[in-house]
Protein backbone atom coordinates (compact mmCIF):
# COMPACT_ATOMS: atom_id res chain seq x y z
CA UNK A 1 117.21 78.28 144.71
CA UNK A 2 120.18 80.65 144.85
CA UNK A 3 122.64 77.92 143.92
CA UNK A 4 120.52 76.07 141.32
CA UNK A 5 118.97 78.93 139.32
CA UNK A 6 120.33 78.99 135.76
CA UNK A 7 121.09 82.26 134.00
CA UNK A 8 121.34 82.93 130.27
CA UNK A 9 124.87 84.18 130.87
CA UNK A 10 125.92 80.84 132.43
CA UNK A 11 124.17 78.85 129.72
CA UNK A 12 126.01 80.80 127.01
CA UNK A 13 129.32 79.96 128.70
CA UNK A 14 128.40 76.31 129.27
CA UNK A 15 129.17 76.62 132.97
CA UNK A 16 125.84 75.69 134.58
CA UNK A 17 126.22 73.72 137.80
CA UNK A 18 129.93 74.36 138.20
CA UNK A 19 131.49 75.80 141.30
CA UNK A 20 132.63 78.76 139.22
CA UNK A 21 129.02 79.59 138.35
CA UNK A 22 128.11 79.79 142.01
CA UNK A 23 131.10 82.01 142.71
CA UNK A 24 130.36 84.12 139.65
CA UNK A 25 126.67 84.51 140.49
CA UNK A 26 127.48 85.53 144.05
CA UNK A 27 130.08 88.04 142.89
CA UNK A 28 127.69 89.60 140.37
CA UNK A 29 124.82 89.80 142.87
CA UNK A 30 126.91 91.28 145.66
CA UNK A 31 129.21 93.53 143.66
CA UNK A 32 127.23 94.03 140.44
CA UNK A 33 130.42 94.20 138.42
CA UNK A 34 130.79 92.04 135.31
CA UNK A 35 134.30 93.30 134.58
CA UNK A 36 135.62 91.85 137.86
CA UNK A 37 134.75 88.37 136.66
CA UNK A 38 137.86 86.16 136.45
CA UNK A 39 137.64 84.05 133.33
CA UNK A 40 138.85 80.52 134.02
CA UNK A 41 137.18 78.76 131.11
CA UNK A 42 135.72 79.89 127.82
CA UNK A 43 137.83 83.06 127.96
CA UNK A 44 138.09 83.29 124.14
CA UNK A 45 134.94 84.21 122.24
CA UNK A 46 134.87 83.08 118.61
CA UNK A 47 132.42 84.41 116.01
CA UNK A 48 131.74 82.52 112.81
CA UNK A 49 128.69 82.64 110.56
CA UNK A 50 128.48 79.79 108.05
CA UNK A 51 126.77 82.13 105.58
CA UNK A 52 130.10 83.91 104.97
CA UNK A 53 131.10 81.20 102.49
CA UNK A 54 128.10 81.84 100.26
CA UNK A 55 129.06 85.40 99.27
CA UNK A 56 131.14 86.19 96.22
CA UNK A 57 132.26 89.61 94.95
CA UNK A 58 132.73 88.63 91.29
CA UNK A 59 134.23 85.57 89.61
CA UNK A 60 137.67 87.11 89.07
CA UNK A 61 137.78 89.27 92.20
CA UNK A 62 140.76 88.55 94.52
CA UNK A 63 138.69 88.98 97.70
CA UNK A 64 137.13 85.62 98.56
CA UNK A 65 134.98 85.48 101.74
CA UNK A 66 135.18 81.70 101.35
CA UNK A 67 138.64 81.85 103.02
CA UNK A 68 136.89 82.38 106.39
CA UNK A 69 135.01 79.10 105.94
CA UNK A 70 138.31 77.35 105.12
CA UNK A 71 139.82 78.77 108.29
CA UNK A 72 136.89 77.64 110.43
CA UNK A 73 137.11 74.13 108.95
CA UNK A 74 140.78 73.84 109.86
CA UNK A 75 140.22 75.23 113.36
CA UNK A 76 137.68 72.47 113.96
CA UNK A 77 139.85 69.76 112.43
CA UNK A 78 142.66 70.73 114.80
CA UNK A 79 140.12 70.63 117.69
CA UNK A 80 141.08 74.18 118.61
CA UNK A 81 137.36 75.00 118.77
CA UNK A 82 137.13 72.92 121.96
CA UNK A 83 138.96 75.75 123.73
CA UNK A 84 136.71 78.49 122.32
CA UNK A 85 133.46 80.01 123.51
CA UNK A 86 131.56 79.82 120.21
CA UNK A 87 129.21 82.74 119.65
CA UNK A 88 126.03 81.33 118.11
CA UNK A 89 125.79 83.54 115.01
CA UNK A 90 122.34 82.22 114.07
CA UNK A 91 120.94 83.46 117.37
CA UNK A 92 121.97 87.05 116.63
CA UNK A 93 121.16 87.23 112.91
CA UNK A 94 117.67 88.52 113.69
CA UNK A 95 119.10 91.61 115.37
CA UNK A 96 119.63 94.60 113.10
CA UNK A 97 123.17 96.00 113.11
CA UNK A 98 123.25 99.79 113.32
CA UNK A 99 125.90 100.69 110.78
CA UNK A 100 124.98 104.38 111.13
CA UNK A 101 126.92 104.54 114.39
CA UNK A 102 129.76 105.43 112.01
CA UNK A 103 128.50 105.44 108.43
CA UNK A 104 126.10 108.02 107.03
CA UNK A 105 122.40 107.27 106.62
CA UNK A 106 122.38 107.77 102.86
CA UNK A 107 125.34 105.45 102.36
CA UNK A 108 123.78 102.69 104.49
CA UNK A 109 120.44 103.14 102.68
CA UNK A 110 122.29 102.77 99.37
CA UNK A 111 123.93 99.52 100.52
CA UNK A 112 120.51 98.20 101.51
CA UNK A 113 118.88 99.14 98.21
CA UNK A 114 121.40 98.47 95.45
CA UNK A 115 121.54 95.08 93.69
CA UNK A 116 123.27 93.80 90.55
CA UNK A 117 119.91 94.02 88.75
CA UNK A 118 119.07 97.64 89.67
CA UNK A 119 122.53 99.19 89.98
CA UNK A 120 122.09 101.21 86.76
CA UNK A 121 119.32 103.11 88.54
CA UNK A 122 121.96 104.19 91.09
CA UNK A 123 124.52 105.47 88.58
CA UNK A 124 125.17 108.71 90.46
CA UNK A 125 125.44 106.97 93.83
CA UNK A 126 127.84 104.37 92.43
CA UNK A 127 130.26 107.18 91.61
CA UNK A 128 129.56 109.11 94.80
CA UNK A 129 130.17 106.10 97.05
CA UNK A 130 133.23 104.86 95.10
CA UNK A 131 131.68 101.60 93.91
CA UNK A 132 133.28 99.93 90.93
CA UNK A 133 135.85 97.31 90.03
CA UNK A 134 137.43 97.12 93.49
CA UNK A 135 134.10 97.35 95.30
CA UNK A 136 131.48 95.84 92.98
CA UNK A 137 127.79 95.40 93.67
CA UNK A 138 127.00 91.73 94.31
CA UNK A 139 124.09 89.65 95.56
CA UNK A 140 123.54 89.99 99.30
CA UNK A 141 125.88 92.98 99.64
CA UNK A 142 124.17 94.53 102.66
CA UNK A 143 123.74 91.18 104.44
CA UNK A 144 127.45 90.52 103.94
CA UNK A 145 128.30 93.92 105.44
CA UNK A 146 125.99 93.33 108.41
CA UNK A 147 127.48 89.87 108.98
CA UNK A 148 131.05 91.20 109.14
CA UNK A 149 130.07 94.11 111.40
CA UNK A 150 127.96 91.91 113.67
CA UNK A 151 130.96 89.73 114.49
CA UNK A 152 133.11 92.68 115.53
CA UNK A 153 130.31 94.27 117.53
CA UNK A 154 129.54 90.99 119.29
CA UNK A 155 133.23 90.51 120.07
CA UNK A 156 133.47 94.03 121.49
CA UNK A 157 130.32 93.43 123.54
CA UNK A 158 131.77 90.22 125.01
CA UNK A 159 134.89 92.14 126.05
CA UNK A 160 132.84 95.01 127.48
CA UNK A 161 130.76 92.69 129.65
CA UNK A 162 133.64 90.52 130.75
CA UNK A 163 132.29 87.39 129.07
CA UNK A 164 135.70 86.84 127.46
CA UNK A 165 139.21 88.21 127.58
CA UNK A 166 139.81 87.66 123.88
CA UNK A 167 137.35 87.76 120.98
CA UNK A 168 138.00 86.59 117.40
CA UNK A 169 136.15 87.55 114.22
CA UNK A 170 138.07 86.48 111.12
CA UNK A 171 135.31 87.85 108.86
CA UNK A 172 136.09 91.39 110.10
CA UNK A 173 139.07 93.71 109.68
CA UNK A 174 137.72 95.76 106.75
CA UNK A 175 140.01 98.72 107.43
CA UNK A 176 139.71 100.80 104.22
CA UNK A 177 136.02 101.77 104.30
CA UNK A 178 135.26 105.42 105.03
CA UNK A 179 132.27 107.11 106.62
CA UNK A 180 130.39 107.40 103.33
CA UNK A 181 132.58 105.59 100.84
CA UNK A 182 133.67 102.08 99.91
CA UNK A 183 137.36 101.52 99.35
CA UNK A 184 139.84 98.70 98.80
CA UNK A 185 137.35 95.78 98.84
CA UNK A 186 135.79 97.21 102.03
CA UNK A 187 132.21 98.53 102.15
CA UNK A 188 131.76 99.10 105.89
CA UNK A 189 134.36 99.62 108.57
CA UNK A 190 133.59 97.01 111.22
CA UNK A 191 136.79 98.00 113.04
CA UNK A 192 135.63 101.55 113.72
CA UNK A 193 132.22 100.24 114.80
CA UNK A 194 133.89 97.79 117.17
CA UNK A 195 136.19 100.45 118.62
CA UNK A 196 133.25 102.81 119.21
CA UNK A 197 131.57 99.98 121.11
CA UNK A 198 134.68 99.38 123.22
CA UNK A 199 134.93 103.08 124.05
CA UNK A 200 131.69 102.75 126.00
CA UNK A 201 133.65 100.87 128.67
CA UNK A 202 137.39 101.30 128.04
CA UNK A 203 139.15 104.66 128.21
CA UNK A 204 142.04 103.90 125.84
CA UNK A 205 142.00 101.63 122.79
CA UNK A 206 145.09 100.55 120.89
CA UNK A 207 144.52 99.57 117.25
CA UNK A 208 147.28 97.51 115.58
CA UNK A 209 147.30 96.72 111.85
CA UNK A 210 149.74 94.23 110.25
CA UNK A 211 147.98 94.08 106.89
CA UNK A 212 150.37 94.98 104.06
CA UNK A 213 148.06 97.89 103.17
CA UNK A 214 147.81 100.97 105.36
CA UNK A 215 144.80 101.01 107.69
CA UNK A 216 143.66 104.37 106.35
CA UNK A 217 139.96 104.13 107.17
CA UNK A 218 140.55 103.50 110.87
CA UNK A 219 143.30 106.10 111.13
CA UNK A 220 141.12 108.72 109.44
CA UNK A 221 138.18 108.03 111.76
CA UNK A 222 140.26 108.70 114.89
CA UNK A 223 142.82 111.15 113.50
CA UNK A 224 141.90 113.87 116.01
CA UNK A 225 141.33 111.52 118.95
CA UNK A 226 143.66 110.68 121.80
CA UNK A 227 141.46 107.89 123.16
CA UNK A 228 142.35 105.66 120.19
CA UNK A 229 145.97 105.17 119.16
CA UNK A 230 146.35 103.61 115.72
CA UNK A 231 149.51 101.77 114.68
CA UNK A 232 149.91 100.45 111.12
CA UNK A 233 152.91 98.61 109.62
CA UNK A 234 152.52 98.56 105.84
CA UNK A 235 154.07 98.82 102.40
CA UNK A 236 154.50 102.47 101.47
CA UNK A 237 155.28 104.14 98.16
CA UNK A 238 153.35 103.60 94.89
CA UNK A 239 151.09 101.15 96.68
CA UNK A 240 147.43 101.26 97.65
CA UNK A 241 146.09 103.34 99.37
CA UNK A 242 149.13 105.66 99.17
CA UNK A 243 148.77 106.96 102.75
CA UNK A 244 150.58 106.14 105.98
CA UNK A 245 153.78 108.20 105.88
CA UNK A 246 155.85 108.58 109.03
CA UNK A 247 154.77 112.22 109.21
CA UNK A 248 151.07 111.26 109.28
CA UNK A 249 150.75 111.31 113.05
CA UNK A 250 147.39 112.92 113.82
CA UNK A 251 146.26 116.49 114.48
CA UNK A 252 144.98 118.48 117.44
CA UNK A 253 144.77 116.38 120.55
CA UNK A 254 145.21 113.38 118.29
CA UNK A 255 148.74 114.45 117.33
CA UNK A 256 151.22 111.60 117.93
CA UNK A 257 148.32 109.16 118.41
CA UNK A 258 148.61 107.91 114.82
CA UNK A 259 151.73 105.77 114.42
CA UNK A 260 152.83 104.65 110.97
CA UNK A 261 155.60 102.24 109.99
CA UNK A 262 156.16 102.83 106.23
CA UNK A 263 158.06 99.85 104.84
CA UNK A 264 159.37 98.62 101.50
CA UNK A 265 158.91 95.24 99.83
CA UNK A 266 160.63 92.09 101.02
CA UNK A 267 160.13 92.46 104.79
CA UNK A 268 161.18 89.20 106.44
CA UNK A 269 160.53 87.87 109.94
CA UNK A 270 163.71 89.18 111.54
CA UNK A 271 163.46 92.66 110.06
CA UNK A 272 159.76 92.90 110.89
CA UNK A 273 160.20 91.96 114.55
CA UNK A 274 163.14 94.38 114.88
CA UNK A 275 160.78 97.31 114.22
CA UNK A 276 157.41 95.93 115.34
CA UNK A 277 158.32 94.75 118.85
CA UNK A 278 160.12 97.93 120.05
CA UNK A 279 157.35 100.17 118.69
CA UNK A 280 154.58 98.14 120.36
CA UNK A 281 156.58 98.11 123.61
CA UNK A 282 156.96 101.89 123.39
CA UNK A 283 153.23 102.31 122.83
CA UNK A 284 152.40 100.05 125.78
CA UNK A 285 154.80 101.92 128.07
CA UNK A 286 153.64 105.40 127.10
CA UNK A 287 149.99 105.03 126.16
CA UNK A 288 149.04 102.23 128.58
CA UNK A 289 146.00 101.03 126.60
CA UNK A 290 143.12 99.23 128.29
CA UNK A 291 142.22 97.02 125.32
CA UNK A 292 143.71 96.09 121.93
CA UNK A 293 142.01 95.74 118.54
CA UNK A 294 144.30 93.71 116.28
CA UNK A 295 143.80 93.57 112.49
CA UNK A 296 145.67 90.48 111.26
CA UNK A 297 145.61 90.94 107.49
CA UNK A 298 147.35 87.92 105.94
CA UNK A 299 148.43 89.63 102.72
CA UNK A 300 151.74 90.49 104.42
CA UNK A 301 152.66 86.78 104.27
CA UNK A 302 155.07 85.54 101.61
CA UNK A 303 153.43 84.45 98.37
CA UNK A 304 150.28 86.55 98.62
CA UNK A 305 148.64 87.37 95.27
CA UNK A 306 148.59 91.10 95.97
CA UNK A 307 151.31 91.42 98.61
CA UNK A 308 155.07 91.90 98.40
CA UNK A 309 156.28 91.16 101.94
CA UNK A 310 158.13 87.97 102.81
CA UNK A 311 156.79 87.04 106.25
CA UNK A 312 156.32 83.41 107.20
CA UNK A 313 153.15 82.16 108.89
CA UNK A 314 155.19 81.85 112.09
CA UNK A 315 156.61 85.37 111.73
CA UNK A 316 153.11 86.74 111.24
CA UNK A 317 151.94 84.79 114.27
CA UNK A 318 154.88 86.06 116.33
CA UNK A 319 153.29 89.52 116.20
CA UNK A 320 150.10 88.10 117.69
CA UNK A 321 152.02 86.22 120.36
CA UNK A 322 154.01 89.32 121.30
CA UNK A 323 150.93 91.52 121.68
CA UNK A 324 149.17 88.79 123.66
CA UNK A 325 152.11 88.71 126.12
CA UNK A 326 151.03 92.10 127.51
CA UNK A 327 147.93 90.44 128.96
CA UNK A 328 145.36 92.96 127.71
CA UNK A 329 141.84 92.16 126.46
CA UNK A 330 141.98 91.84 122.69
CA UNK A 331 139.61 91.86 119.74
CA UNK A 332 141.20 89.85 116.92
CA UNK A 333 140.07 90.56 113.35
CA UNK A 334 140.86 89.37 109.85
CA UNK A 335 141.62 91.67 106.94
CA UNK A 336 143.45 91.24 103.65
CA UNK A 337 144.79 87.98 102.32
CA UNK A 338 144.36 86.75 98.76
CA UNK A 339 146.18 83.43 98.61
CA UNK A 340 143.48 81.38 100.28
CA UNK A 341 145.62 78.54 101.60
CA UNK A 342 147.99 80.96 103.33
CA UNK A 343 145.12 82.89 104.89
CA UNK A 344 143.69 79.68 106.37
CA UNK A 345 147.15 78.64 107.57
CA UNK A 346 147.82 81.98 109.29
CA UNK A 347 144.48 82.47 110.99
CA UNK A 348 144.28 78.85 112.15
CA UNK A 349 147.77 79.11 113.61
CA UNK A 350 146.99 82.45 115.28
CA UNK A 351 143.79 81.05 116.78
CA UNK A 352 145.90 78.28 118.31
CA UNK A 353 148.25 80.92 119.73
CA UNK A 354 145.34 82.68 121.41
CA UNK A 355 144.12 79.47 123.08
CA UNK A 356 147.67 78.44 123.99
CA UNK A 357 147.49 75.14 122.16
CA UNK A 358 150.36 73.91 120.03
CA UNK A 359 149.11 72.32 116.82
CA UNK A 360 151.03 69.88 114.60
CA UNK A 361 152.55 71.14 111.39
CA UNK A 362 150.79 68.46 109.34
CA UNK A 363 147.35 69.62 108.23
CA UNK A 364 144.64 67.06 109.08
CA UNK A 365 142.35 65.77 106.37
CA UNK A 366 139.50 68.18 105.64
CA UNK A 367 137.20 69.36 102.86
CA UNK A 368 139.89 71.73 101.52
CA UNK A 369 142.95 69.50 101.84
CA UNK A 370 143.69 69.79 98.10
CA UNK A 371 144.42 73.50 98.55
CA UNK A 372 147.51 72.59 100.58
CA UNK A 373 149.12 70.02 98.31
CA UNK A 374 151.75 68.79 97.91
CA UNK A 375 153.19 69.69 101.35
CA UNK A 376 150.00 69.65 103.49
CA UNK A 377 151.70 71.71 106.20
CA UNK A 378 150.94 74.87 108.18
CA UNK A 379 154.45 76.32 108.03
CA UNK A 380 156.01 76.80 104.62
CA UNK A 381 159.38 78.27 103.59
CA UNK A 382 159.41 81.88 102.41
CA UNK A 383 160.71 83.05 99.03
CA UNK A 384 164.22 84.29 98.24
CA UNK A 385 163.10 87.84 97.41
CA UNK A 386 165.43 90.63 98.50
CA UNK A 387 164.56 92.72 101.54
CA UNK A 388 164.54 96.35 100.36
CA UNK A 389 164.47 97.62 103.97
CA UNK A 390 168.04 98.26 105.08
CA UNK A 391 169.04 97.80 108.70
CA UNK A 392 169.99 101.48 108.87
CA UNK A 393 166.58 102.58 107.60
CA UNK A 394 164.74 100.42 110.12
CA UNK A 395 166.90 101.67 112.99
CA UNK A 396 166.31 105.28 111.99
CA UNK A 397 162.57 104.66 111.61
CA UNK A 398 162.41 102.99 115.01
CA UNK A 399 164.21 105.87 116.74
CA UNK A 400 161.97 108.50 115.14
CA UNK A 401 158.80 106.66 116.15
CA UNK A 402 160.01 106.08 119.71
CA UNK A 403 160.89 109.77 119.92
CA UNK A 404 157.35 110.69 118.79
CA UNK A 405 155.89 108.33 121.39
CA UNK A 406 157.47 110.43 124.15
CA UNK A 407 154.65 112.91 123.47
CA UNK A 408 151.98 110.26 124.10
CA UNK A 409 150.29 110.12 127.50
CA UNK A 410 147.68 107.71 128.95
CA UNK A 411 144.64 109.95 128.56
CA UNK A 412 141.36 109.60 130.44
CA UNK A 413 137.83 110.61 129.47
CA UNK A 414 138.32 113.96 131.23
CA UNK A 415 140.94 115.10 128.70
CA UNK A 416 139.93 113.09 125.64
CA UNK A 417 138.34 113.95 122.30
CA UNK A 418 136.06 110.94 121.81
CA UNK A 419 132.96 111.76 123.81
CA UNK A 420 131.34 115.11 124.37
CA UNK A 421 134.49 117.24 124.43
CA UNK A 422 135.70 119.19 121.42
CA UNK A 423 139.44 119.43 120.75
CA UNK A 424 140.87 122.46 122.59
CA UNK A 425 142.51 123.85 119.43
CA UNK A 426 139.18 123.71 117.60
CA UNK A 427 137.28 125.32 120.46
CA UNK A 428 139.85 128.12 120.56
CA UNK A 429 139.54 128.66 116.81
CA UNK A 430 135.76 128.86 117.06
CA UNK A 431 135.91 131.56 119.74
CA UNK A 432 138.33 133.52 117.55
CA UNK A 433 135.98 133.18 114.59
CA UNK A 434 133.04 134.42 116.64
CA UNK A 435 135.14 137.35 117.84
CA UNK A 436 136.11 138.29 114.30
CA UNK A 437 132.81 137.61 112.52
CA UNK A 438 130.35 138.80 115.17
CA UNK A 439 131.93 141.08 117.76
CA UNK A 440 134.41 143.14 115.76
CA UNK A 441 133.42 146.69 114.88
CA UNK A 442 132.74 147.38 111.17
CA UNK A 443 135.93 149.36 110.68
CA UNK A 444 138.06 146.48 111.96
CA UNK A 445 136.57 143.82 109.71
CA UNK A 446 138.35 142.56 106.60
CA UNK A 447 138.15 145.08 103.73
CA UNK A 448 137.35 144.61 100.97
CA UNK A 449 135.00 141.63 101.23
CA UNK A 450 137.26 138.50 101.10
CA UNK A 451 135.10 136.95 98.39
CA UNK A 452 135.12 140.10 96.23
CA UNK A 453 136.21 139.75 92.60
CA UNK A 454 137.27 143.41 92.37
CA UNK A 455 140.56 144.06 90.48
CA UNK A 456 143.53 144.64 92.83
CA UNK A 457 147.13 145.80 92.55
CA UNK A 458 149.89 143.13 92.98
CA UNK A 459 150.55 144.18 96.59
CA UNK A 460 146.86 144.20 97.42
CA UNK A 461 146.40 140.84 95.65
CA UNK A 462 148.81 139.09 98.02
CA UNK A 463 146.98 140.46 101.05
CA UNK A 464 143.70 139.53 99.40
CA UNK A 465 144.84 135.91 98.95
CA UNK A 466 145.82 135.68 102.61
CA UNK A 467 142.48 137.16 103.62
CA UNK A 468 140.64 134.70 101.36
CA UNK A 469 142.47 131.75 102.90
CA UNK A 470 141.64 132.91 106.43
CA UNK A 471 138.03 133.62 105.57
CA UNK A 472 137.52 130.25 103.89
CA UNK A 473 139.14 128.39 106.80
CA UNK A 474 136.86 130.22 109.23
CA UNK A 475 133.84 129.55 107.04
CA UNK A 476 134.63 125.82 106.73
CA UNK A 477 135.06 125.33 110.48
CA UNK A 478 131.87 127.26 111.20
CA UNK A 479 129.92 125.20 108.67
CA UNK A 480 131.27 121.93 110.05
CA UNK A 481 130.05 122.76 113.52
CA UNK A 482 126.80 124.58 112.83
CA UNK A 483 125.44 123.26 109.53
CA UNK A 484 126.06 119.51 109.63
CA UNK A 485 123.45 117.41 107.87
CA UNK A 486 120.25 116.65 109.74
CA UNK A 487 120.97 112.94 110.16
CA UNK A 488 124.37 113.49 111.77
CA UNK A 489 123.06 116.35 113.90
CA UNK A 490 120.21 114.20 115.15
CA UNK A 491 122.64 111.51 116.28
CA UNK A 492 125.18 114.02 117.57
CA UNK A 493 127.97 112.57 115.43
CA UNK A 494 130.62 114.64 113.64
CA UNK A 495 132.40 113.85 110.38
CA UNK A 496 134.99 111.66 112.08
CA UNK A 497 132.48 109.43 113.78
CA UNK A 498 132.95 110.95 117.22
CA UNK A 499 130.08 112.13 119.38
CA UNK A 500 129.84 115.85 120.13
CA UNK A 501 127.53 118.13 122.05
CA UNK A 502 124.66 119.42 119.92
CA UNK A 503 125.12 123.14 119.29
CA UNK A 504 122.34 125.65 119.00
CA UNK A 505 122.35 127.81 115.90
């Protein structure tokens, strides 16, 4: 009975009856530790929901979810899927995805309720939640959001439980969405949701973003955290979203845990690897992450409709191969990419890298073969555009980033900010505020009232402005901690998506 009993876990891996199942079952019964399981087969989980190809933003919108279906078709034509542990998406569609683990209740309720037919009834909310030309309302909006998030959450769950070493969700990687706001074609941030899931098991998460656009939504969510280090290589300067300067490096305990590589147009393979590889090596050496979340936006590839980098499919894939060489568990996600044939080329090639299978350059016949004419190849030559990133600039940028990384340490949950601990600088500020606002004697308090509109002399006006600034800063911090909205307070989640201890009034 011990050797022949089938478990759902073994069935899902397709390993029933094998010697490995017996060894695995014994190890789990005796030790009770899923993470000690040594994956010998089916070590790469792959999430794909066929429904992704049925969604469409608008007719002229550059974001086409159909690209994920093209990618899946090519993966199967190359027989790469034979090396993957396919997550049965249909089996999990009945389970509700809790988007409020990061996003606000009212924003999620809006996504559930709004449709193209009734959107005029939500005129105020459309403005409030930044819906419009970039993020239009379309049929099945909420289901699309849930589908993308479900793949990232399932991938994170597989990593947490040791069912796989790598997990892939090409429908994910929506890195611009904020806590209560759509942005840059992204309505929900599946990356943040996936990272929060990983933090239940792993102490340190490294997030890497090679989309041409800055991963602002993910960086913002963990800007004060030292349990998540974000690294984004992107086009900077008069380019959406306009964030991601070298000096944007986090605050509080999260200082130096946001790493930005601001680049100019024309980045080619050689220049990109000269900055990307040393920075990732520096992060690995100093931060020592337990798991990697990798956003593989394909709009950094040459010829993208909205991009202006000059990476080849191979150069883009080299980043994946380099990060894989560190041997860490990894959640692979999609992202941007608006020339459909190049997106399918890149993500098919990078899936083959993850399984360690070399695929031929000639694309096999498939339902989308006409997209790849006349060459019908995976690897295409790049353009002759000029690289605006000088060697001197890249060397200087690399040295500054590596110098910043000297401040990074491999934190543990005992000295982290994601969890129940507040940042030390914030805790110290709060005690100061309490001392000034509650314990100080009346004659020591600020006079006159900092919010007074009484006429003052020029000398008094300067002091008044300083007092106003201090008072408002104290008031804002106090309100953030003690008067958060009921929904967030009930869940114990602060504005950045991190869990905190509930405070009594």
